[in-house]
């Protein structure tokens, strides 16, 4: 074998090893992500806990996202927020309102969606609701518009800014999360709540296939090049 082939073999072997290592790492990350998704889905199907218990768990450093919470209290119809969304494929509003329980704790509740021009009348009568804990702390996206707090048009989640606009509201005890309301048994309820889904990016399989494919391509190119050199020297 000619000496000039060795650098090609060495460089190709290093490159292929790195690409295969990245592919294996993505397969491992895929397994971890699937376990996390299964864990979150298990939380969603568990029995609900109280708002106080959820706040305590949060204070102890536990991961509580997607835990189910059941609480009784009242909505504040005078203060609600409209977040731009879609409703049955058309423009709509996601309605978020403060909900206060008997001990005075306030939590923002994502009640669901309505059509853009649909009338909205929130009930301030005592009620019991169930919801899943969400944090929505990703902040503003690159293409998101500025939130219009004066016009009550919100394009992205900003819970602190929302709370700051509340009028005649005691903010001394506020839950450190959002509660996404679960669908109830009431037909044609307005707003319309949908069953939440676990929202975690899971592209690891595609990344793994990409890295393994690049490794195979590099091996093929290197093999063809070495074959060409050997053939030319023959």
C-alpha atoms as a PDB file:
ATOM      1  CA  UNK A   1       0.000   0.000   0.000  1.00  0.00           C
ATOM      2  CA  UNK A   2       1.339   3.394  -0.957  1.00  0.00           C
ATOM      3  CA  UNK A   3       2.235   5.708   1.974  1.00  0.00           C
ATOM      4  CA  UNK A   4       0.046   8.501   0.616  1.00  0.00           C
ATOM      5  CA  UNK A   5      -3.062   6.412   1.309  1.00  0.00           C
ATOM      6  CA  UNK A   6      -2.434   6.276   5.060  1.00  0.00           C
ATOM      7  CA  UNK A   7      -3.291   9.951   5.763  1.00  0.00           C
ATOM      8  CA  UNK A   8      -6.575   9.469   3.921  1.00  0.00           C
ATOM      9  CA  UNK A   9      -7.382   6.334   5.901  1.00  0.00           C
ATOM     10  CA  UNK A  10      -6.485   8.010   9.187  1.00  0.00           C
ATOM     11  CA  UNK A  11      -8.464  11.186   8.519  1.00  0.00           C
ATOM     12  CA  UNK A  12     -11.454   9.172   7.304  1.00  0.00           C
ATOM     13  CA  UNK A  13     -11.337   6.881  10.332  1.00  0.00           C
ATOM     14  CA  UNK A  14     -11.260   9.870  12.700  1.00  0.00           C
ATOM     15  CA  UNK A  15     -14.121  11.575  10.865  1.00  0.00           C
ATOM     16  CA  UNK A  16     -16.233   8.423  10.763  1.00  0.00           C
ATOM     17  CA  UNK A  17     -15.603   7.773  14.468  1.00  0.00           C
ATOM     18  CA  UNK A  18     -16.711  11.287  15.370  1.00  0.00           C
ATOM     19  CA  UNK A  19     -19.868  11.041  13.244  1.00  0.00           C
ATOM     20  CA  UNK A  20     -20.743   7.605  14.638  1.00  0.00           C
ATOM     21  CA  UNK A  21     -20.188   8.934  18.162  1.00  0.00           C
ATOM     22  CA  UNK A  22     -22.569  11.822  17.509  1.00  0.00           C
ATOM     23  CA  UNK A  23     -25.133   9.381  16.126  1.00  0.00           C
ATOM     24  CA  UNK A  24     -24.884   7.120  19.189  1.00  0.00           C
ATOM     25  CA  UNK A  25     -25.199  10.169  21.458  1.00  0.00           C
ATOM     26  CA  UNK A  26     -28.406  11.210  19.691  1.00  0.00           C
ATOM     27  CA  UNK A  27     -29.812   7.693  20.095  1.00  0.00           C
ATOM     28  CA  UNK A  28     -29.079   7.932  23.825  1.00  0.00           C
ATOM     29  CA  UNK A  29     -30.722  11.379  23.970  1.00  0.00           C
ATOM     30  CA  UNK A  30     -33.737   9.906  22.167  1.00  0.00           C
ATOM     31  CA  UNK A  31     -34.117   7.289  24.876  1.00  0.00           C
ATOM     32  CA  UNK A  32     -33.847   9.913  27.599  1.00  0.00           C
ATOM     33  CA  UNK A  33     -36.390  12.169  25.895  1.00  0.00           C
ATOM     34  CA  UNK A  34     -38.852   9.296  25.454  1.00  0.00           C
ATOM     35  CA  UNK A  35     -38.526   8.477  29.172  1.00  0.00           C
ATOM     36  CA  UNK A  36     -39.174  12.122  30.051  1.00  0.00           C
ATOM     37  CA  UNK A  37     -42.241  12.282  27.814  1.00  0.00           C
ATOM     38  CA  UNK A  38     -43.586   9.070  29.361  1.00  0.00           C
ATOM     39  CA  UNK A  39     -43.013  10.543  32.836  1.00  0.00           C
ATOM     40  CA  UNK A  40     -44.872  13.748  31.953  1.00  0.00           C
ATOM     41  CA  UNK A  41     -47.765  11.813  30.439  1.00  0.00           C
ATOM     42  CA  UNK A  42     -47.951   9.768  33.639  1.00  0.00           C
ATOM     43  CA  UNK A  43     -48.251  12.989  35.633  1.00  0.00           C
ATOM     44  CA  UNK A  44     -51.118  14.091  33.411  1.00  0.00           C
ATOM     45  CA  UNK A  45     -53.036  10.893  34.129  1.00  0.00           C
ATOM     46  CA  UNK A  46     -52.435  10.934  37.907  1.00  0.00           C
ATOM     47  CA  UNK A  47     -54.951  12.104  40.487  1.00  0.00           C
ATOM     48  CA  UNK A  48     -55.044  15.893  40.969  1.00  0.00           C
ATOM     49  CA  UNK A  49     -53.383  17.610  43.906  1.00  0.00           C
ATOM     50  CA  UNK A  50     -54.236  20.897  45.603  1.00  0.00           C
ATOM     51  CA  UNK A  51     -52.805  24.243  44.572  1.00  0.00           C
ATOM     52  CA  UNK A  52     -51.083  24.559  47.956  1.00  0.00           C
ATOM     53  CA  UNK A  53     -49.425  21.154  47.510  1.00  0.00           C
ATOM     54  CA  UNK A  54     -48.222  22.120  44.050  1.00  0.00           C
ATOM     55  CA  UNK A  55     -46.713  25.374  45.341  1.00  0.00           C
ATOM     56  CA  UNK A  56     -45.004  23.470  48.155  1.00  0.00           C
ATOM     57  CA  UNK A  57     -43.505  20.964  45.714  1.00  0.00           C
ATOM     58  CA  UNK A  58     -42.260  23.842  43.587  1.00  0.00           C
ATOM     59  CA  UNK A  59     -40.666  25.447  46.628  1.00  0.00           C
ATOM     60  CA  UNK A  60     -38.877  22.172  47.378  1.00  0.00           C
ATOM     61  CA  UNK A  61     -37.329  22.202  43.925  1.00  0.00           C
ATOM     62  CA  UNK A  62     -39.464  19.455  42.394  1.00  0.00           C
ATOM     63  CA  UNK A  63     -40.294  19.398  38.712  1.00  0.00           C
ATOM     64  CA  UNK A  64     -44.043  19.955  38.685  1.00  0.00           C
ATOM     65  CA  UNK A  65     -44.808  20.818  35.080  1.00  0.00           C
ATOM     66  CA  UNK A  66     -47.843  18.885  33.783  1.00  0.00           C
ATOM     67  CA  UNK A  67     -48.933  17.927  37.300  1.00  0.00           C
ATOM     68  CA  UNK A  68     -52.713  17.935  37.589  1.00  0.00           C
ATOM     69  CA  UNK A  69     -54.231  20.414  40.043  1.00  0.00           C
ATOM     70  CA  UNK A  70     -57.797  20.712  41.324  1.00  0.00           C
ATOM     71  CA  UNK A  71     -58.958  23.948  42.916  1.00  0.00           C
ATOM     72  CA  UNK A  72     -62.106  25.808  43.892  1.00  0.00           C
ATOM     73  CA  UNK A  73     -62.436  29.570  43.652  1.00  0.00           C
ATOM     74  CA  UNK A  74     -63.608  32.420  41.467  1.00  0.00           C
ATOM     75  CA  UNK A  75     -62.586  33.943  38.172  1.00  0.00           C
ATOM     76  CA  UNK A  76     -62.178  37.699  37.862  1.00  0.00           C
ATOM     77  CA  UNK A  77     -64.266  38.616  34.779  1.00  0.00           C
ATOM     78  CA  UNK A  78     -63.038  42.231  34.859  1.00  0.00           C
ATOM     79  CA  UNK A  79     -59.449  41.151  34.272  1.00  0.00           C
ATOM     80  CA  UNK A  80     -58.619  38.726  31.522  1.00  0.00           C
ATOM     81  CA  UNK A  81     -56.040  38.501  28.760  1.00  0.00           C
ATOM     82  CA  UNK A  82     -56.332  37.707  25.063  1.00  0.00           C
ATOM     83  CA  UNK A  83     -53.460  35.847  23.464  1.00  0.00           C
ATOM     84  CA  UNK A  84     -53.396  35.543  19.686  1.00  0.00           C
ATOM     85  CA  UNK A  85     -54.038  31.968  18.553  1.00  0.00           C
ATOM     86  CA  UNK A  86     -56.143  29.986  16.082  1.00  0.00           C
ATOM     87  CA  UNK A  87     -59.577  28.495  16.640  1.00  0.00           C
ATOM     88  CA  UNK A  88     -60.785  25.704  14.344  1.00  0.00           C
ATOM     89  CA  UNK A  89     -58.350  26.894  11.704  1.00  0.00           C
ATOM     90  CA  UNK A  90     -59.429  30.551  11.902  1.00  0.00           C
ATOM     91  CA  UNK A  91     -58.096  33.510  13.915  1.00  0.00           C
ATOM     92  CA  UNK A  92     -58.951  33.309  17.579  1.00  0.00           C
ATOM     93  CA  UNK A  93     -58.064  34.291  21.106  1.00  0.00           C
ATOM     94  CA  UNK A  94     -56.621  32.250  23.922  1.00  0.00           C
ATOM     95  CA  UNK A  95     -58.276  33.504  27.115  1.00  0.00           C
ATOM     96  CA  UNK A  96     -56.236  33.742  30.315  1.00  0.00           C
ATOM     97  CA  UNK A  97     -57.855  34.962  33.537  1.00  0.00           C
ATOM     98  CA  UNK A  98     -56.900  35.287  37.207  1.00  0.00           C
ATOM     99  CA  UNK A  99     -58.495  32.695  39.479  1.00  0.00           C
ATOM    100  CA  UNK A 100     -58.504  33.240  43.249  1.00  0.00           C
ATOM    101  CA  UNK A 101     -59.045  30.420  45.720  1.00  0.00           C
ATOM    102  CA  UNK A 102     -60.446  30.743  49.253  1.00  0.00           C
ATOM    103  CA  UNK A 103     -57.085  31.306  50.960  1.00  0.00           C
ATOM    104  CA  UNK A 104     -56.414  34.303  48.717  1.00  0.00           C
ATOM    105  CA  UNK A 105     -53.873  32.662  46.409  1.00  0.00           C
ATOM    106  CA  UNK A 106     -54.113  33.842  42.820  1.00  0.00           C
ATOM    107  CA  UNK A 107     -53.223  31.762  39.779  1.00  0.00           C
ATOM    108  CA  UNK A 108     -53.454  32.641  36.101  1.00  0.00           C
ATOM    109  CA  UNK A 109     -55.631  30.097  34.311  1.00  0.00           C
ATOM    110  CA  UNK A 110     -55.517  29.401  30.587  1.00  0.00           C
ATOM    111  CA  UNK A 111     -59.226  28.807  30.006  1.00  0.00           C
ATOM    112  CA  UNK A 112     -59.029  27.809  26.341  1.00  0.00           C
ATOM    113  CA  UNK A 113     -59.800  29.489  23.032  1.00  0.00           C
ATOM    114  CA  UNK A 114     -62.609  31.353  21.325  1.00  0.00           C
ATOM    115  CA  UNK A 115     -63.155  32.604  17.781  1.00  0.00           C
ATOM    116  CA  UNK A 116     -61.843  36.086  17.033  1.00  0.00           C
ATOM    117  CA  UNK A 117     -65.272  37.774  17.040  1.00  0.00           C
ATOM    118  CA  UNK A 118     -66.985  35.422  19.489  1.00  0.00           C
ATOM    119  CA  UNK A 119     -68.690  37.126  22.473  1.00  0.00           C
ATOM    120  CA  UNK A 120     -67.123  36.304  25.815  1.00  0.00           C
ATOM    121  CA  UNK A 121     -68.766  36.394  29.221  1.00  0.00           C
ATOM    122  CA  UNK A 122     -66.850  34.946  32.124  1.00  0.00           C
ATOM    123  CA  UNK A 123     -68.703  33.714  35.204  1.00  0.00           C
ATOM    124  CA  UNK A 124     -67.507  34.931  38.602  1.00  0.00           C
ATOM    125  CA  UNK A 125     -69.534  32.356  40.527  1.00  0.00           C
ATOM    126  CA  UNK A 126     -67.552  29.899  42.684  1.00  0.00           C
ATOM    127  CA  UNK A 127     -66.475  26.911  40.654  1.00  0.00           C
ATOM    128  CA  UNK A 128     -64.151  23.917  40.761  1.00  0.00           C
ATOM    129  CA  UNK A 129     -61.740  23.367  37.906  1.00  0.00           C
ATOM    130  CA  UNK A 130     -58.911  21.013  37.059  1.00  0.00           C
ATOM    131  CA  UNK A 131     -55.849  21.946  35.094  1.00  0.00           C
ATOM    132  CA  UNK A 132     -52.248  21.121  34.342  1.00  0.00           C
ATOM    133  CA  UNK A 133     -49.325  23.169  35.583  1.00  0.00           C
ATOM    134  CA  UNK A 134     -47.469  25.009  32.832  1.00  0.00           C
ATOM    135  CA  UNK A 135     -44.653  27.552  32.988  1.00  0.00           C
ATOM    136  CA  UNK A 136     -44.520  29.071  29.487  1.00  0.00           C
ATOM    137  CA  UNK A 137     -41.149  30.607  30.306  1.00  0.00           C
ATOM    138  CA  UNK A 138     -39.518  30.401  26.880  1.00  0.00           C
ATOM    139  CA  UNK A 139     -39.954  34.119  26.425  1.00  0.00           C
ATOM    140  CA  UNK A 140     -40.359  35.989  23.181  1.00  0.00           C
ATOM    141  CA  UNK A 141     -39.720  34.235  19.889  1.00  0.00           C
ATOM    142  CA  UNK A 142     -37.596  35.809  17.179  1.00  0.00           C
ATOM    143  CA  UNK A 143     -40.596  36.593  14.968  1.00  0.00           C
ATOM    144  CA  UNK A 144     -43.077  37.496  17.728  1.00  0.00           C
ATOM    145  CA  UNK A 145     -44.656  40.937  17.724  1.00  0.00           C
ATOM    146  CA  UNK A 146     -44.530  43.253  20.708  1.00  0.00           C
ATOM    147  CA  UNK A 147     -47.225  42.498  23.253  1.00  0.00           C
ATOM    148  CA  UNK A 148     -49.850  45.249  23.439  1.00  0.00           C
ATOM    149  CA  UNK A 149     -50.843  45.401  27.092  1.00  0.00           C
ATOM    150  CA  UNK A 150     -52.982  48.509  26.535  1.00  0.00           C
ATOM    151  CA  UNK A 151     -54.984  46.874  23.760  1.00  0.00           C
ATOM    152  CA  UNK A 152     -54.949  43.523  25.590  1.00  0.00           C
ATOM    153  CA  UNK A 153     -53.336  41.746  22.639  1.00  0.00           C
ATOM    154  CA  UNK A 154     -50.657  39.286  23.664  1.00  0.00           C
ATOM    155  CA  UNK A 155     -48.527  37.466  21.111  1.00  0.00           C
ATOM    156  CA  UNK A 156     -46.277  35.571  23.518  1.00  0.00           C
ATOM    157  CA  UNK A 157     -46.404  34.494  27.144  1.00  0.00           C
ATOM    158  CA  UNK A 158     -45.228  37.136  29.611  1.00  0.00           C
ATOM    159  CA  UNK A 159     -46.888  36.287  32.933  1.00  0.00           C
ATOM    160  CA  UNK A 160     -45.121  39.005  34.972  1.00  0.00           C
ATOM    161  CA  UNK A 161     -46.273  41.689  32.521  1.00  0.00           C
ATOM    162  CA  UNK A 162     -49.793  40.273  32.540  1.00  0.00           C
ATOM    163  CA  UNK A 163     -49.951  40.324  36.330  1.00  0.00           C
ATOM    164  CA  UNK A 164     -48.636  43.888  36.375  1.00  0.00           C
ATOM    165  CA  UNK A 165     -51.662  45.079  34.384  1.00  0.00           C
ATOM    166  CA  UNK A 166     -54.252  43.626  36.764  1.00  0.00           C
ATOM    167  CA  UNK A 167     -56.441  46.251  38.398  1.00  0.00           C
ATOM    168  CA  UNK A 168     -57.804  46.129  41.952  1.00  0.00           C
ATOM    169  CA  UNK A 169     -56.129  42.771  42.521  1.00  0.00           C
ATOM    170  CA  UNK A 170     -54.161  41.562  45.526  1.00  0.00           C
ATOM    171  CA  UNK A 171     -50.878  40.167  44.194  1.00  0.00           C
ATOM    172  CA  UNK A 172     -49.357  39.275  47.555  1.00  0.00           C
ATOM    173  CA  UNK A 173     -49.942  35.540  46.959  1.00  0.00           C
ATOM    174  CA  UNK A 174     -49.500  34.470  43.347  1.00  0.00           C
ATOM    175  CA  UNK A 175     -48.816  30.930  42.157  1.00  0.00           C
ATOM    176  CA  UNK A 176     -45.473  30.720  40.291  1.00  0.00           C
ATOM    177  CA  UNK A 177     -46.983  29.000  37.264  1.00  0.00           C
ATOM    178  CA  UNK A 178     -49.870  28.985  34.813  1.00  0.00           C
ATOM    179  CA  UNK A 179     -52.721  26.505  35.082  1.00  0.00           C
ATOM    180  CA  UNK A 180     -53.966  25.123  31.771  1.00  0.00           C
ATOM    181  CA  UNK A 181     -57.624  24.223  32.279  1.00  0.00           C
ATOM    182  CA  UNK A 182     -58.678  20.728  31.317  1.00  0.00           C
ATOM    183  CA  UNK A 183     -61.849  20.195  29.252  1.00  0.00           C
ATOM    184  CA  UNK A 184     -64.986  19.847  31.353  1.00  0.00           C
ATOM    185  CA  UNK A 185     -68.162  17.856  30.762  1.00  0.00           C
ATOM    186  CA  UNK A 186     -70.077  21.021  29.789  1.00  0.00           C
ATOM    187  CA  UNK A 187     -71.048  20.960  26.106  1.00  0.00           C
ATOM    188  CA  UNK A 188     -70.097  23.934  23.957  1.00  0.00           C
ATOM    189  CA  UNK A 189     -68.290  25.564  26.856  1.00  0.00           C
ATOM    190  CA  UNK A 190     -66.827  29.009  26.138  1.00  0.00           C
ATOM    191  CA  UNK A 191     -63.871  29.338  26.099  1.00  0.00           C
ATOM    192  CA  UNK A 192     -63.205  25.899  24.657  1.00  0.00           C
ATOM    193  CA  UNK A 193     -60.427  24.044  26.471  1.00  0.00           C
ATOM    194  CA  UNK A 194     -58.502  21.305  24.672  1.00  0.00           C
ATOM    195  CA  UNK A 195     -56.740  18.321  26.160  1.00  0.00           C
ATOM    196  CA  UNK A 196     -53.120  19.449  26.646  1.00  0.00           C
ATOM    197  CA  UNK A 197     -50.282  17.588  24.965  1.00  0.00           C
ATOM    198  CA  UNK A 198     -46.709  17.206  26.106  1.00  0.00           C
ATOM    199  CA  UNK A 199     -44.814  19.883  24.204  1.00  0.00           C
ATOM    200  CA  UNK A 200     -41.188  18.791  24.046  1.00  0.00           C
ATOM    201  CA  UNK A 201     -38.986  19.009  20.978  1.00  0.00           C
ATOM    202  CA  UNK A 202     -37.928  15.483  20.048  1.00  0.00           C
ATOM    203  CA  UNK A 203     -35.822  15.525  16.886  1.00  0.00           C
ATOM    204  CA  UNK A 204     -33.119  13.168  18.119  1.00  0.00           C
ATOM    205  CA  UNK A 205     -34.045  10.322  15.776  1.00  0.00           C
ATOM    206  CA  UNK A 206     -33.678  12.605  12.764  1.00  0.00           C
ATOM    207  CA  UNK A 207     -30.341  13.890  14.057  1.00  0.00           C
ATOM    208  CA  UNK A 208     -29.112  10.335  14.644  1.00  0.00           C
ATOM    209  CA  UNK A 209     -30.051   9.299  11.115  1.00  0.00           C
ATOM    210  CA  UNK A 210     -28.248  12.383   9.784  1.00  0.00           C
ATOM    211  CA  UNK A 211     -25.016  11.618  11.658  1.00  0.00           C
ATOM    212  CA  UNK A 212     -25.065   7.928  10.701  1.00  0.00           C
ATOM    213  CA  UNK A 213     -25.808   8.892   7.103  1.00  0.00           C
ATOM    214  CA  UNK A 214     -22.866  11.307   7.020  1.00  0.00           C
ATOM    215  CA  UNK A 215     -20.611   8.597   8.453  1.00  0.00           C
ATOM    216  CA  UNK A 216     -21.731   6.187   5.732  1.00  0.00           C
ATOM    217  CA  UNK A 217     -21.251   8.860   3.063  1.00  0.00           C
ATOM    218  CA  UNK A 218     -17.745   9.682   4.312  1.00  0.00           C
ATOM    219  CA  UNK A 219     -16.848   5.997   4.343  1.00  0.00           C
ATOM    220  CA  UNK A 220     -18.161   5.639   0.793  1.00  0.00           C
ATOM    221  CA  UNK A 221     -16.311   8.688  -0.512  1.00  0.00           C
ATOM    222  CA  UNK A 222     -13.059   7.691   1.197  1.00  0.00           C
ATOM    223  CA  UNK A 223     -13.338   4.128  -0.079  1.00  0.00           C
ATOM    224  CA  UNK A 224     -14.007   5.276  -3.622  1.00  0.00           C
ATOM    225  CA  UNK A 225     -11.092   7.722  -3.507  1.00  0.00           C
ATOM    226  CA  UNK A 226      -8.683   5.095  -2.173  1.00  0.00           C
ATOM    227  CA  UNK A 227      -9.886   2.616  -4.798  1.00  0.00           C
ATOM    228  CA  UNK A 228      -9.268   5.241  -7.484  1.00  0.00           C
ATOM    229  CA  UNK A 229      -5.720   5.843  -6.202  1.00  0.00           C
ATOM    230  CA  UNK A 230      -4.921   2.146  -6.132  1.00  0.00           C
ATOM    231  CA  UNK A 231      -6.333   1.689  -9.585  1.00  0.00           C
ATOM    232  CA  UNK A 232      -4.257   4.602 -10.919  1.00  0.00           C
ATOM    233  CA  UNK A 233      -1.106   3.123  -9.400  1.00  0.00           C
ATOM    234  CA  UNK A 234      -1.791  -0.324 -10.790  1.00  0.00           C
END
